[in-house]
Amino acid sequence: MGNNLHTRELLKGGGIAMLYRIVNMVMSYVLMLVIVQAFGKDGIGSYNLVIAWGSLVALLGAFGLNTSLVRFVAAYHAREEHRNIRSLYRATLQLTLPLGILLGAILFFLSDVLATWIYEDASLKVHFMIMAASIPFLVLATINVEFLRGWKLIVWSEFFRNLSITLITWGGTFWALFYFNVSFLPILFYGFGALIAAGVTTILIRNQLRIRCRETNPPPTENFSFRKYLTTSFPMILSAFTQMLNSRSDIIMLGWFHSTALVGVYGVAWKVSMLSEFVISALKTIAMPKISELFWTNRETELRQMLRLSTLLIFLSGIPITLILLLFPEAILRWIGEGFEEGATVLRILALSQFIGATAGLVGAFMNMTGNQKVFVRFVGSATAIHVVLNVILIPYFGMEGAAIGTLISTLIWNIGGAIYIYRKYRIATFLQPFKKPSLHDH
């Protein structure tokens, strides 16, 4: 009975998250097409480059707490310790909001250096300035959606994670192009979307805390220590930042060594390769709190079953998309815009990278939710260091193909290494087991 409950929660929650991911994916591709048609390779390259920087700075402003917050909020929620959640939320904002404002100010004052000296494109200065002003709102929205996810409010967390910002960016840019034709329009409306997401999610969380704290009526004094929380979370903080650096370093460094037009082609190929990744992202959204709950309550059989089912769903949905991307990359990229077929080899490499990550399963989610965050930091940190070194070596000579090769190798290192570690320590397989049929009625 318990197994069926967790399976239903995984399928229902994963289905809701996947629906949002599909809508967000469609809208993000529509946005990409709008930018490509309006501003060409340079326009989409500038957008990808500035978004990469914004994502890194916002995660640093959020202190990398996004992964650890899910674990702790889910645990407090299961024990109905809602005052601990309130204390955690207040302490988190006291740390991250001033940090986000500070980092936004630093990025604002460095915008000229980044645009003129690093990327040798003065037009990027306005893009960086707008992104800098958006950083505090991105930080707040990042924190808020993880609290909502820890509460298992998947409908709200997934809408405001990406979809709301994507919708506002697309709608605003599409409307404004009738009156203006300036390349910073997408970044401007991206920042406006972050402002809306931060404001609405803050209201949602305040309402949830007021209702839940009143309903449960816990003791007036809770044993909550933010210092202890940060000590426990520090490895997860490092892993979150290194994962983000690992995923964004290729675009940031490609723009350093080559033109924004080449970044545009690479960014489009990367975006298309993510078609096979949206299932794992959707399932991870609902699986992370479930992994924490099942592991820490010693329900190993249910945990194994959920992981087997998750990996099978990821594989079955990902393999047809991967095959299409491997066989027809030129046609797909040519349809997006003239000249983008140059990224066909990049698309093949990145699609293979995504497929490897899918077959390894929920490696990062499992390790962060089960107290193995320190080991996970070593895997991701090593992969990121190797990725950066490979970028420095390969990008100057092989361009965007070199960046894609670095991504493939780093993905192999942390996904396969982490999956092997989990299996050796717990005899639990996060990776695909094609000859072992998952049963929905295991006990």
Protein backbone atom coordinates (compact mmCIF):
# COMPACT_ATOMS: atom_id res chain seq x y z
CA MET A 1 0.00 0.00 0.00
CA GLY A 2 2.80 2.37 0.92
CA ASN A 3 4.68 1.53 -2.26
CA ASN A 4 1.63 2.30 -4.38
CA LEU A 5 1.22 5.62 -2.57
CA HIS A 6 4.80 6.69 -3.33
CA THR A 7 4.49 5.51 -6.91
CA ARG A 8 1.31 7.54 -7.35
CA GLU A 9 2.96 10.58 -5.77
CA LEU A 10 5.95 10.22 -8.08
CA LEU A 11 3.78 9.83 -11.19
CA LYS A 12 1.31 12.54 -10.21
CA GLY A 13 3.90 15.03 -9.01
CA GLY A 14 6.26 14.16 -11.82
CA GLY A 15 3.39 14.48 -14.29
CA ILE A 16 2.52 17.98 -13.04
CA ALA A 17 6.17 19.01 -13.08
CA MET A 18 6.62 17.49 -16.53
CA LEU A 19 3.59 19.34 -17.87
CA TYR A 20 5.07 22.62 -16.70
CA ARG A 21 8.46 21.65 -18.09
CA ILE A 22 6.90 20.84 -21.47
CA VAL A 23 5.06 24.16 -21.59
CA ASN A 24 8.20 25.99 -20.43
CA MET A 25 10.27 24.11 -23.00
CA VAL A 26 7.87 25.02 -25.82
CA MET A 27 7.77 28.67 -24.76
CA SER A 28 11.55 28.84 -24.35
CA TYR A 29 11.97 27.53 -27.89
CA VAL A 30 9.43 30.05 -29.15
CA LEU A 31 11.39 32.77 -27.32
CA MET A 32 14.60 31.48 -28.90
CA LEU A 33 13.04 31.65 -32.36
CA VAL A 34 11.78 35.20 -31.73
CA ILE A 35 15.27 36.34 -30.67
CA VAL A 36 16.94 34.54 -33.60
CA GLN A 37 14.54 36.05 -36.15
CA ALA A 38 14.79 39.55 -34.66
CA PHE A 39 18.48 39.76 -33.79
CA GLY A 40 20.25 36.82 -35.48
CA LYS A 41 23.23 34.88 -34.15
CA ASP A 42 24.70 37.83 -32.28
CA GLY A 43 21.40 38.57 -30.55
CA ILE A 44 20.82 35.03 -29.28
CA GLY A 45 24.51 34.80 -28.39
CA SER A 46 24.35 37.96 -26.28
CA TYR A 47 21.20 36.71 -24.56
CA ASN A 48 22.72 33.28 -23.75
CA LEU A 49 25.94 34.83 -22.49
CA VAL A 50 24.29 37.30 -20.14
CA ILE A 51 21.79 34.69 -18.88
CA ALA A 52 24.74 32.37 -18.10
CA TRP A 53 26.39 35.09 -16.04
CA GLY A 54 23.10 35.99 -14.35
CA SER A 55 22.43 32.37 -13.40
CA LEU A 56 25.86 32.01 -11.79
CA VAL A 57 25.66 35.29 -9.87
CA ALA A 58 22.08 34.59 -8.72
CA LEU A 59 23.04 31.15 -7.43
CA LEU A 60 25.98 32.69 -5.60
CA GLY A 61 23.57 35.25 -4.14
CA ALA A 62 21.27 32.44 -3.04
CA PHE A 63 24.38 30.98 -1.39
CA GLY A 64 23.77 27.71 -3.24
CA LEU A 65 21.03 26.86 -0.75
CA ASN A 66 18.50 25.69 -3.33
CA THR A 67 19.28 21.97 -2.98
CA SER A 68 19.66 21.86 0.81
CA LEU A 69 16.46 23.85 1.37
CA VAL A 70 14.39 21.13 -0.29
CA ARG A 71 15.86 18.50 2.01
CA PHE A 72 15.32 20.41 5.24
CA VAL A 73 11.91 21.87 4.41
CA ALA A 74 10.66 18.41 3.36
CA ALA A 75 11.94 16.91 6.62
CA TYR A 76 10.40 19.66 8.79
CA HIS A 77 7.15 19.42 6.83
CA ALA A 78 6.93 15.64 7.39
CA ARG A 79 7.27 16.24 11.16
CA GLU A 80 4.91 19.27 11.02
CA GLU A 81 7.63 21.52 12.45
CA HIS A 82 6.40 24.57 10.59
CA ARG A 83 7.91 27.06 12.99
CA ASN A 84 11.29 25.61 12.11
CA ILE A 85 10.44 26.27 8.47
CA ARG A 86 9.52 29.84 9.36
CA SER A 87 12.80 30.30 11.24
CA LEU A 88 14.71 28.79 8.33
CA TYR A 89 12.99 31.11 5.84
CA ARG A 90 13.69 34.24 7.86
CA ALA A 91 17.32 33.33 8.44
CA THR A 92 17.79 32.43 4.77
CA LEU A 93 16.45 35.80 3.60
CA GLN A 94 18.60 37.66 6.12
CA LEU A 95 21.63 36.05 4.51
CA THR A 96 20.72 35.94 0.83
CA LEU A 97 18.92 39.23 0.18
CA PRO A 98 21.82 41.50 1.25
CA LEU A 99 24.21 39.19 -0.60
CA GLY A 100 22.07 39.35 -3.74
CA ILE A 101 21.95 43.17 -3.60
CA LEU A 102 25.73 43.32 -3.11
CA LEU A 103 26.48 40.95 -5.99
CA GLY A 104 24.04 42.80 -8.24
CA ALA A 105 25.85 46.06 -7.47
CA ILE A 106 29.22 44.47 -8.21
CA LEU A 107 27.98 43.10 -11.54
CA PHE A 108 26.53 46.53 -12.37
CA PHE A 109 29.85 48.29 -11.81
CA LEU A 110 31.77 45.57 -13.69
CA SER A 111 29.43 45.62 -16.68
CA ASP A 112 31.75 47.85 -18.71
CA VAL A 113 34.77 45.66 -17.91
CA LEU A 114 32.93 42.49 -18.92
CA ALA A 115 31.50 43.99 -22.11
CA THR A 116 34.50 45.98 -23.34
CA TRP A 117 37.53 44.16 -22.00
CA ILE A 118 36.49 40.52 -21.63
CA TYR A 119 34.07 40.10 -24.52
CA GLU A 120 35.11 43.10 -26.64
CA ASP A 121 31.51 44.04 -27.40
CA ALA A 122 30.42 47.40 -25.99
CA SER A 123 26.76 46.67 -26.75
CA LEU A 124 26.79 44.02 -24.00
CA LYS A 125 27.19 46.68 -21.31
CA VAL A 126 23.47 47.51 -21.20
CA HIS A 127 22.63 43.78 -21.10
CA PHE A 128 24.88 43.26 -18.07
CA MET A 129 23.51 46.36 -16.31
CA ILE A 130 19.93 45.14 -16.68
CA MET A 131 20.89 41.67 -15.46
CA ALA A 132 22.68 43.21 -12.47
CA ALA A 133 19.48 45.01 -11.45
CA SER A 134 17.60 41.70 -11.69
CA ILE A 135 19.92 39.70 -9.42
CA PRO A 136 18.17 40.40 -6.05
CA PHE A 137 14.82 39.32 -7.52
CA LEU A 138 16.34 36.19 -9.07
CA VAL A 139 17.87 35.31 -5.70
CA LEU A 140 14.55 35.74 -3.88
CA ALA A 141 12.65 33.73 -6.50
CA THR A 142 15.28 30.95 -6.35
CA ILE A 143 14.91 30.65 -2.57
CA ASN A 144 11.12 30.81 -2.64
CA VAL A 145 10.52 28.07 -5.22
CA GLU A 146 12.62 25.62 -3.17
CA PHE A 147 10.53 26.28 -0.07
CA LEU A 148 7.40 25.63 -2.13
CA ARG A 149 8.93 22.44 -3.52
CA GLY A 150 9.88 21.22 -0.03
CA TRP A 151 6.22 21.66 0.92
CA LYS A 152 5.36 19.56 -2.17
CA LEU A 153 3.46 22.51 -3.67
CA ILE A 154 4.68 21.41 -7.10
CA VAL A 155 2.11 23.37 -9.09
CA TRP A 156 3.39 26.66 -7.69
CA SER A 157 7.08 25.81 -7.45
CA GLU A 158 7.34 24.66 -11.06
CA PHE A 159 5.32 27.53 -12.48
CA PHE A 160 7.52 30.13 -10.84
CA ARG A 161 10.79 28.25 -11.27
CA ASN A 162 11.07 28.99 -14.98
CA LEU A 163 7.72 29.12 -16.75
CA SER A 164 6.49 32.46 -15.41
CA ILE A 165 9.76 34.21 -16.32
CA THR A 166 9.82 32.57 -19.76
CA LEU A 167 6.22 33.62 -20.47
CA ILE A 168 6.86 37.22 -19.44
CA THR A 169 10.13 37.36 -21.39
CA TRP A 170 8.47 36.00 -24.53
CA GLY A 171 5.29 38.05 -24.28
CA GLY A 172 7.08 41.27 -23.42
CA THR A 173 9.71 40.88 -26.13
CA PHE A 174 7.15 39.94 -28.78
CA TRP A 175 5.00 42.98 -27.91
CA ALA A 176 7.91 45.43 -27.65
CA LEU A 177 9.34 44.42 -31.05
CA PHE A 178 6.36 46.16 -32.68
CA TYR A 179 7.65 49.45 -31.28
CA PHE A 180 11.40 49.01 -30.66
CA ASN A 181 14.22 46.98 -32.14
CA VAL A 182 16.95 46.91 -29.51
CA SER A 183 18.80 43.72 -28.61
CA PHE A 184 18.47 44.13 -24.82
CA LEU A 185 14.67 43.71 -24.89
CA PRO A 186 14.72 39.98 -23.93
CA ILE A 187 17.01 40.66 -20.94
CA LEU A 188 14.81 43.58 -19.86
CA PHE A 189 11.67 41.46 -19.76
CA TYR A 190 13.59 38.56 -18.19
CA GLY A 191 14.37 40.89 -15.29
CA PHE A 192 10.74 41.99 -15.11
CA GLY A 193 9.70 38.32 -14.99
CA ALA A 194 12.10 37.74 -12.08
CA LEU A 195 10.52 40.68 -10.23
CA ILE A 196 7.01 39.25 -10.66
CA ALA A 197 8.11 35.71 -9.67
CA ALA A 198 9.86 36.98 -6.54
CA GLY A 199 6.88 39.07 -5.44
CA VAL A 200 4.17 36.46 -5.96
CA THR A 201 6.14 33.58 -4.39
CA THR A 202 6.93 35.71 -1.33
CA ILE A 203 3.20 36.32 -0.82
CA LEU A 204 2.49 32.58 -1.25
CA ILE A 205 5.09 31.59 1.33
CA ARG A 206 3.97 34.17 3.88
CA ASN A 207 0.39 32.89 3.55
CA GLN A 208 1.49 29.25 3.87
CA LEU A 209 3.55 29.98 6.98
CA ARG A 210 0.72 31.88 8.64
CA ILE A 211 -1.80 29.11 7.97
CA ARG A 212 0.44 26.15 8.82
CA CYS A 213 1.93 27.62 11.99
CA ARG A 214 -1.57 28.42 13.27
CA GLU A 215 -3.01 25.00 12.36
CA THR A 216 -0.27 22.87 13.90
CA ASN A 217 0.13 25.11 16.99
CA PRO A 218 3.67 23.84 17.78
CA PRO A 219 5.53 24.64 21.00
CA PRO A 220 6.72 28.25 21.24
CA THR A 221 10.38 27.22 21.26
CA GLU A 222 11.83 25.09 18.47
CA ASN A 223 15.34 23.58 18.35
CA PHE A 224 16.38 25.40 15.19
CA SER A 225 19.95 26.53 14.57
CA PHE A 226 20.76 28.28 11.29
CA ARG A 227 24.47 27.84 11.98
CA LYS A 228 23.99 24.09 12.28
CA TYR A 229 21.90 24.16 9.11
CA LEU A 230 24.67 25.96 7.19
CA THR A 231 27.29 23.54 8.50
CA THR A 232 25.26 20.56 7.33
CA SER A 233 24.37 22.26 4.05
CA PHE A 234 27.82 23.56 3.12
CA PRO A 235 28.73 20.60 0.88
CA MET A 236 25.38 20.89 -0.90
CA ILE A 237 26.03 24.62 -1.31
CA LEU A 238 29.36 23.86 -2.97
CA SER A 239 27.87 21.16 -5.17
CA ALA A 240 25.04 23.45 -6.34
CA PHE A 241 27.48 26.17 -7.34
CA THR A 242 29.96 23.82 -8.99
CA GLN A 243 27.13 22.16 -10.94
CA MET A 244 25.99 25.55 -12.18
CA LEU A 245 29.57 26.53 -13.06
CA ASN A 246 29.99 23.20 -14.80
CA SER A 247 26.88 23.81 -16.93
CA ARG A 248 27.62 27.46 -17.75
CA SER A 249 31.41 27.59 -18.10
CA ASP A 250 31.29 26.46 -21.74
CA ILE A 251 29.15 29.43 -22.85
CA ILE A 252 31.04 31.94 -20.69
CA MET A 253 34.45 30.79 -21.93
CA LEU A 254 33.36 30.33 -25.54
CA GLY A 255 32.32 33.99 -25.58
CA TRP A 256 35.71 34.92 -24.14
CA PHE A 257 37.69 33.16 -26.89
CA HIS A 258 35.28 33.63 -29.81
CA SER A 259 32.45 35.87 -31.04
CA THR A 260 28.95 36.19 -29.62
CA ALA A 261 27.69 34.82 -32.95
CA LEU A 262 29.48 31.52 -32.24
CA VAL A 263 28.03 31.59 -28.72
CA GLY A 264 24.64 32.00 -30.39
CA VAL A 265 25.08 28.87 -32.53
CA TYR A 266 26.40 26.87 -29.57
CA GLY A 267 23.63 28.12 -27.29
CA VAL A 268 20.94 27.09 -29.78
CA ALA A 269 22.50 23.61 -30.13
CA TRP A 270 22.69 23.32 -26.34
CA LYS A 271 19.06 24.40 -26.01
CA VAL A 272 17.90 21.81 -28.54
CA SER A 273 19.93 19.07 -26.81
CA MET A 274 17.99 19.82 -23.61
CA LEU A 275 14.89 18.30 -25.21
CA SER A 276 15.97 14.95 -23.80
CA GLU A 277 16.63 16.40 -20.34
CA PHE A 278 13.26 17.82 -19.37
CA VAL A 279 11.94 14.45 -18.11
CA ILE A 280 14.77 13.98 -15.60
CA SER A 281 14.28 17.56 -14.40
CA ALA A 282 10.55 17.02 -13.91
CA LEU A 283 11.00 13.74 -12.04
CA LYS A 284 13.82 15.15 -9.92
CA THR A 285 11.50 17.92 -8.76
CA ILE A 286 9.12 15.48 -7.07
CA ALA A 287 11.69 12.75 -6.32
CA MET A 288 14.07 14.84 -4.19
CA PRO A 289 11.76 15.28 -1.18
CA LYS A 290 10.57 11.66 -1.60
CA ILE A 291 14.16 10.35 -1.55
CA SER A 292 14.83 12.32 1.64
CA GLU A 293 11.63 11.06 3.26
CA LEU A 294 12.13 7.37 2.34
CA PHE A 295 15.85 7.23 3.11
CA TRP A 296 15.69 8.89 6.52
CA THR A 297 12.74 6.75 7.58
CA ASN A 298 14.61 3.56 6.53
CA ARG A 299 12.11 2.49 3.86
CA GLU A 300 14.76 1.02 1.59
CA THR A 301 12.50 -1.22 -0.49
CA GLU A 302 10.22 1.66 -1.41
CA LEU A 303 13.26 3.79 -2.19
CA ARG A 304 14.71 1.17 -4.54
CA GLN A 305 11.38 0.81 -6.29
CA MET A 306 10.98 4.55 -6.79
CA LEU A 307 14.50 4.91 -8.18
CA ARG A 308 14.01 1.99 -10.61
CA LEU A 309 10.75 3.44 -11.85
CA SER A 310 12.24 6.94 -12.19
CA THR A 311 15.22 5.74 -14.20
CA LEU A 312 13.06 3.62 -16.49
CA LEU A 313 10.72 6.56 -17.19
CA ILE A 314 13.69 8.82 -17.87
CA PHE A 315 15.24 6.32 -20.28
CA LEU A 316 12.07 5.46 -22.20
CA SER A 317 11.17 9.10 -22.75
CA GLY A 318 14.71 10.20 -23.53
CA ILE A 319 15.92 7.63 -26.04
CA PRO A 320 13.61 8.54 -28.99
CA ILE A 321 14.46 12.24 -28.62
CA THR A 322 18.18 11.44 -28.44
CA LEU A 323 18.04 9.31 -31.58
CA ILE A 324 16.28 12.08 -33.53
CA LEU A 325 18.90 14.61 -32.41
CA LEU A 326 21.76 12.28 -33.36
CA LEU A 327 20.33 11.47 -36.81
CA PHE A 328 18.91 14.81 -37.98
CA PRO A 329 20.82 17.68 -36.33
CA GLU A 330 21.43 19.64 -39.54
CA ALA A 331 17.76 19.70 -40.52
CA ILE A 332 16.66 20.72 -37.02
CA LEU A 333 19.16 23.57 -36.72
CA ARG A 334 18.58 24.77 -40.30
CA TRP A 335 14.89 25.08 -39.51
CA ILE A 336 15.70 27.37 -36.57
CA GLY A 337 17.68 29.82 -38.68
CA GLU A 338 20.14 30.23 -41.51
CA GLY A 339 23.69 29.31 -40.55
CA PHE A 340 22.80 27.46 -37.35
CA GLU A 341 23.46 24.10 -39.02
CA GLU A 342 27.13 24.83 -38.23
CA GLY A 343 26.30 23.49 -34.77
CA ALA A 344 25.29 20.00 -35.97
CA THR A 345 28.35 18.28 -34.52
CA VAL A 346 27.89 20.17 -31.27
CA LEU A 347 24.28 19.04 -31.07
CA ARG A 348 25.28 15.39 -31.55
CA ILE A 349 27.89 15.60 -28.77
CA LEU A 350 25.56 17.41 -26.35
CA ALA A 351 22.68 15.01 -27.07
CA LEU A 352 24.98 12.12 -26.21
CA SER A 353 25.98 13.93 -23.02
CA GLN A 354 22.33 14.34 -22.00
CA PHE A 355 21.63 10.67 -22.72
CA ILE A 356 24.50 9.57 -20.47
CA GLY A 357 23.15 11.74 -17.67
CA ALA A 358 19.69 10.23 -18.15
CA THR A 359 20.86 6.60 -17.96
CA ALA A 360 22.85 7.32 -14.78
CA GLY A 361 19.59 8.35 -13.09
CA LEU A 362 19.01 10.66 -10.12
CA VAL A 363 22.62 10.62 -8.91
CA GLY A 364 22.83 14.19 -7.62
CA ALA A 365 19.38 14.11 -6.06
CA PHE A 366 20.13 10.85 -4.21
CA MET A 367 23.51 11.92 -2.86
CA ASN A 368 22.35 15.35 -1.69
CA MET A 369 19.20 13.98 -0.04
CA THR A 370 20.93 11.08 1.78
CA GLY A 371 23.82 12.80 3.57
CA ASN A 372 26.43 12.07 0.87
CA GLN A 373 26.77 15.69 -0.13
CA LYS A 374 30.48 15.85 0.73
CA VAL A 375 31.29 13.00 -1.62
CA PHE A 376 29.07 14.51 -4.31
CA VAL A 377 31.00 17.79 -4.01
CA ARG A 378 34.21 15.89 -4.77
CA PHE A 379 32.69 14.32 -7.89
CA VAL A 380 31.18 17.54 -9.20
CA GLY A 381 34.17 19.65 -8.16
CA SER A 382 36.57 17.33 -9.96
CA ALA A 383 34.35 17.28 -13.05
CA THR A 384 34.05 21.08 -13.05
CA ALA A 385 37.80 21.60 -12.67
CA ILE A 386 38.47 19.20 -15.54
CA HIS A 387 35.73 20.91 -17.59
CA VAL A 388 37.30 24.36 -17.14
CA VAL A 389 40.77 23.05 -18.01
CA LEU A 390 39.41 21.29 -21.10
CA ASN A 391 37.64 24.50 -22.13
CA VAL A 392 40.89 26.45 -21.87
CA ILE A 393 42.70 23.83 -23.95
CA LEU A 394 40.05 22.90 -26.51
CA ILE A 395 37.98 26.06 -27.17
CA PRO A 396 40.80 28.20 -28.66
CA TYR A 397 41.60 25.48 -31.24
CA PHE A 398 38.31 23.64 -31.78
CA GLY A 399 35.76 26.35 -30.94
CA MET A 400 32.29 25.22 -29.99
CA GLU A 401 33.07 21.55 -30.71
CA GLY A 402 35.81 21.77 -28.08
CA ALA A 403 33.33 23.23 -25.58
CA ALA A 404 30.91 20.37 -26.28
CA ILE A 405 33.62 17.73 -25.79
CA GLY A 406 34.49 19.27 -22.42
CA THR A 407 30.82 19.09 -21.41
CA LEU A 408 30.59 15.43 -22.46
CA ILE A 409 33.67 14.39 -20.47
CA SER A 410 32.63 16.26 -17.32
CA THR A 411 29.15 14.70 -17.52
CA LEU A 412 30.71 11.24 -17.74
CA ILE A 413 32.87 11.86 -14.68
CA TRP A 414 30.27 12.94 -12.15
CA ASN A 415 27.29 10.91 -13.37
CA ILE A 416 28.99 7.55 -13.81
CA GLY A 417 31.31 8.06 -10.84
CA GLY A 418 28.42 9.00 -8.57
CA ALA A 419 26.24 6.08 -9.73
CA ILE A 420 29.05 3.60 -9.04
CA TYR A 421 29.66 5.10 -5.59
CA ILE A 422 25.97 4.82 -4.63
CA TYR A 423 25.79 1.21 -5.80
CA ARG A 424 28.94 0.18 -3.95
CA LYS A 425 27.88 1.83 -0.70
CA TYR A 426 24.17 0.97 -0.59
CA ARG A 427 23.73 -1.70 -3.28
CA ILE A 428 21.11 0.67 -4.68
CA ALA A 429 21.15 1.28 -8.43
CA THR A 430 20.22 4.74 -9.66
CA PHE A 431 21.31 3.72 -13.17
CA LEU A 432 19.26 1.86 -15.75
CA GLN A 433 18.85 -1.88 -15.21
CA PRO A 434 17.32 -3.03 -18.52
CA PHE A 435 16.92 -6.68 -17.52
CA LYS A 436 15.40 -6.05 -14.09
CA LYS A 437 11.70 -5.32 -14.30
CA PRO A 438 10.46 -2.81 -11.70
CA SER A 439 7.38 -3.99 -9.81
CA LEU A 440 4.78 -1.57 -8.58
CA HIS A 441 3.81 -3.99 -5.80
CA ASP A 442 7.17 -4.74 -4.15
CA HIS A 443 6.99 -4.98 -0.41
